[in-house]
Amino acid sequence: MLKHELRALFLQKRATLSDVEKSQLCDKIYALFHLSIPDRVKTVHCYLPIHAKNEIDTWPIIRKMWEENIAVTVPIMHPEDLKLNSMLIIEDTPLKENAWGVTEPLFSKEVDESSIDAIILPLLAFDTFGNRIGYGKGYYDAYLKTLKKDVLKIGMSFFPPIDKKINVDSWDVPMDYCITPDRVFKF
């Protein structure tokens, strides 16, 4: 299947999940999440969920990282050049939705990319080689190239990997881990 076909298929699969199913799957993912974060991680960049796209809710993970004194940054999107900036958030950071339904901080401190130890990536589908399919704009693949070489790249998916290798482009960056409700995949 082509990337755009896989995007459409997995958006549809996600859309069919009931709130109860989604909650149960998220709970299983949260239970496995700690297996992917080594002690060396002090700052994590994490996407905030787009509820209209039925994404995995990252807020419980963010709260857990705060409890463990891990700094959390989130993206601000710049559509004019398809870039992201990483902004520090704390419990009382004011947030707003942008035009695409992505929640972003209103006021926050920008964090230098060199301080990010791990990144939690949004995805629609992934394969057993660590390749992921996002929404197709390339924000995260471009952003990953600005981070340290040893940044830990983590995805989360409601579904297991597809059984064929995703056709990758030269700009695609593979993940190190992907967490599903049933297991943690290490690549």
Protein backbone atom coordinates (compact mmCIF):
# COMPACT_ATOMS: atom_id res chain seq x y z
CA MET A 1 0.00 0.00 0.00
CA LEU A 2 1.07 3.55 -0.61
CA LYS A 3 1.56 5.95 2.30
CA HIS A 4 -1.59 7.93 1.55
CA GLU A 5 -3.62 4.69 1.47
CA LEU A 6 -2.16 3.59 4.81
CA ARG A 7 -2.93 7.03 6.29
CA ALA A 8 -6.55 6.78 5.21
CA LEU A 9 -6.87 3.18 6.46
CA PHE A 10 -5.43 3.90 9.91
CA LEU A 11 -7.36 7.16 10.33
CA GLN A 12 -10.50 5.09 9.65
CA LYS A 13 -9.43 2.33 12.06
CA ARG A 14 -8.80 4.93 14.75
CA ALA A 15 -12.14 6.60 14.10
CA THR A 16 -13.99 3.33 14.71
CA LEU A 17 -12.64 2.99 18.26
CA SER A 18 -15.25 3.70 20.90
CA ASP A 19 -14.34 5.93 23.85
CA VAL A 20 -14.26 2.84 26.09
CA GLU A 21 -11.99 0.92 23.69
CA LYS A 22 -9.69 3.91 23.31
CA SER A 23 -9.47 4.37 27.07
CA GLN A 24 -8.67 0.68 27.63
CA LEU A 25 -5.99 0.68 24.91
CA CYS A 26 -4.45 3.89 26.27
CA ASP A 27 -4.28 2.39 29.77
CA LYS A 28 -2.34 -0.59 28.41
CA ILE A 29 0.06 1.71 26.55
CA TYR A 30 0.61 3.82 29.69
CA ALA A 31 1.43 0.66 31.66
CA LEU A 32 4.21 -0.22 29.19
CA PHE A 33 5.51 3.30 28.65
CA HIS A 34 8.03 3.26 31.53
CA LEU A 35 9.94 0.44 29.81
CA SER A 36 11.11 2.87 27.10
CA ILE A 37 12.46 5.76 29.20
CA PRO A 38 15.98 5.25 30.57
CA ASP A 39 17.23 7.17 33.61
CA ARG A 40 19.45 9.40 31.45
CA VAL A 41 16.37 11.15 30.04
CA LYS A 42 15.86 14.59 31.60
CA THR A 43 13.89 16.43 28.87
CA VAL A 44 11.20 14.91 26.64
CA HIS A 45 9.47 16.50 23.67
CA CYS A 46 5.90 15.19 23.43
CA TYR A 47 3.04 15.86 21.06
CA LEU A 48 -0.29 16.95 22.50
CA PRO A 49 -3.21 14.85 21.26
CA ILE A 50 -5.54 15.99 18.50
CA HIS A 51 -8.85 14.75 19.87
CA ALA A 52 -10.62 15.10 16.51
CA LYS A 53 -8.15 12.55 15.10
CA ASN A 54 -8.65 10.16 18.05
CA GLU A 55 -4.95 10.24 18.93
CA ILE A 56 -3.49 8.54 21.97
CA ASP A 57 -3.92 10.88 24.92
CA THR A 58 -0.42 11.89 26.04
CA TRP A 59 -1.54 13.88 29.10
CA PRO A 60 -1.21 10.96 31.59
CA ILE A 61 2.34 10.38 30.31
CA ILE A 62 3.16 14.08 30.60
CA ARG A 63 1.85 14.18 34.19
CA LYS A 64 3.90 11.08 35.06
CA MET A 65 7.04 12.70 33.63
CA TRP A 66 6.37 15.83 35.71
CA GLU A 67 6.10 13.62 38.81
CA GLU A 68 9.50 12.14 37.92
CA ASN A 69 11.04 15.62 37.44
CA ILE A 70 11.43 15.17 33.70
CA ALA A 71 11.04 18.43 31.79
CA VAL A 72 8.39 18.27 29.07
CA THR A 73 8.34 20.29 25.88
CA VAL A 74 5.61 20.43 23.26
CA PRO A 75 5.61 21.69 19.68
CA ILE A 76 4.52 24.98 18.23
CA MET A 77 3.94 24.62 14.50
CA HIS A 78 5.09 27.11 11.89
CA PRO A 79 3.14 26.24 8.72
CA GLU A 80 4.91 28.84 6.60
CA ASP A 81 8.12 26.76 6.67
CA LEU A 82 6.83 23.42 8.11
CA LYS A 83 9.00 23.78 11.23
CA LEU A 84 8.44 23.05 14.90
CA ASN A 85 9.74 24.83 17.97
CA SER A 86 9.94 23.04 21.28
CA MET A 87 8.30 24.91 24.14
CA LEU A 88 8.55 24.03 27.83
CA ILE A 89 5.24 23.35 29.54
CA ILE A 90 4.37 23.07 33.21
CA GLU A 91 1.05 22.35 34.89
CA ASP A 92 -0.34 25.86 34.59
CA THR A 93 0.94 26.73 31.10
CA PRO A 94 -1.96 28.35 29.20
CA LEU A 95 -2.86 26.42 26.04
CA LYS A 96 -4.92 27.05 22.91
CA GLU A 97 -5.87 25.11 19.79
CA ASN A 98 -4.37 26.23 16.51
CA ALA A 99 -6.19 26.13 13.15
CA TRP A 100 -5.47 22.37 12.75
CA GLY A 101 -6.80 21.39 16.17
CA VAL A 102 -3.31 21.05 17.66
CA THR A 103 -3.04 22.34 21.22
CA GLU A 104 -0.11 24.72 21.71
CA PRO A 105 1.15 26.83 24.62
CA LEU A 106 0.15 30.50 24.55
CA PHE A 107 3.17 31.64 26.53
CA SER A 108 6.18 29.50 27.19
CA LYS A 109 9.94 29.31 27.12
CA GLU A 110 11.54 27.88 23.99
CA VAL A 111 13.89 24.98 24.71
CA ASP A 112 17.09 24.43 22.76
CA GLU A 113 16.95 21.21 20.74
CA SER A 114 20.31 20.09 22.15
CA SER A 115 18.71 19.55 25.58
CA ILE A 116 16.04 17.12 24.34
CA ASP A 117 16.86 13.53 25.29
CA ALA A 118 13.72 11.79 23.96
CA ILE A 119 10.83 12.57 21.67
CA ILE A 120 7.36 11.04 21.62
CA LEU A 121 6.21 11.00 18.02
CA PRO A 122 2.69 11.07 16.65
CA LEU A 123 1.95 8.36 14.11
CA LEU A 124 -0.82 6.62 12.25
CA ALA A 125 0.96 3.36 11.41
CA PHE A 126 4.38 1.75 11.70
CA ASP A 127 6.28 -1.31 10.50
CA THR A 128 8.59 -3.80 12.21
CA PHE A 129 11.63 -1.80 11.05
CA GLY A 130 10.69 1.30 13.05
CA ASN A 131 9.40 3.29 10.11
CA ARG A 132 6.31 5.35 10.85
CA ILE A 133 3.63 7.07 8.87
CA GLY A 134 2.53 10.43 10.18
CA TYR A 135 0.07 12.90 8.69
CA GLY A 136 2.30 13.59 5.71
CA LYS A 137 3.49 17.16 6.19
CA GLY A 138 6.99 16.21 7.38
CA TYR A 139 7.10 18.42 10.47
CA TYR A 140 8.55 15.72 12.71
CA ASP A 141 11.00 14.22 10.21
CA ALA A 142 12.47 17.69 9.66
CA TYR A 143 12.49 18.39 13.40
CA LEU A 144 14.24 15.09 14.19
CA LYS A 145 17.16 16.15 12.00
CA THR A 146 17.74 19.16 14.32
CA LEU A 147 18.02 16.98 17.44
CA LYS A 148 21.02 15.17 18.91
CA LYS A 149 21.99 11.99 17.09
CA ASP A 150 21.28 9.88 20.19
CA VAL A 151 17.82 11.32 20.92
CA LEU A 152 15.46 8.49 21.82
CA LYS A 153 12.59 8.31 19.30
CA ILE A 154 9.40 6.76 20.69
CA GLY A 155 6.09 6.16 18.96
CA MET A 156 2.81 4.90 20.35
CA SER A 157 0.12 3.07 18.42
CA PHE A 158 -3.26 1.55 19.17
CA PHE A 159 -2.48 -1.07 16.53
CA PRO A 160 0.32 -3.57 15.87
CA PRO A 161 2.85 -2.92 13.08
CA ILE A 162 1.90 -3.51 9.48
CA ASP A 163 3.45 -6.68 8.12
CA LYS A 164 5.24 -5.10 5.16
CA LYS A 165 8.01 -2.53 5.16
CA ILE A 166 6.76 0.99 4.64
CA ASN A 167 8.21 2.68 1.56
CA VAL A 168 10.49 5.27 3.11
CA ASP A 169 11.72 8.54 1.66
CA SER A 170 15.21 9.97 2.16
CA TRP A 171 13.93 12.38 4.85
CA ASP A 172 12.13 9.71 6.93
CA VAL A 173 13.68 9.01 10.34
CA PRO A 174 12.97 5.63 11.98
CA MET A 175 11.92 5.22 15.61
CA ASP A 176 13.85 3.45 18.36
CA TYR A 177 10.70 2.13 20.07
CA CYS A 178 6.99 1.89 19.45
CA ILE A 179 4.59 1.10 22.28
CA THR A 180 1.36 -0.72 21.53
CA PRO A 181 -1.23 -2.01 24.01
CA ASP A 182 0.38 -5.46 23.91
CA ARG A 183 4.12 -4.85 23.74
CA VAL A 184 7.04 -2.52 23.28
CA PHE A 185 8.75 -2.89 19.90
CA LYS A 186 12.47 -2.09 19.90
CA PHE A 187 14.15 -1.40 16.56
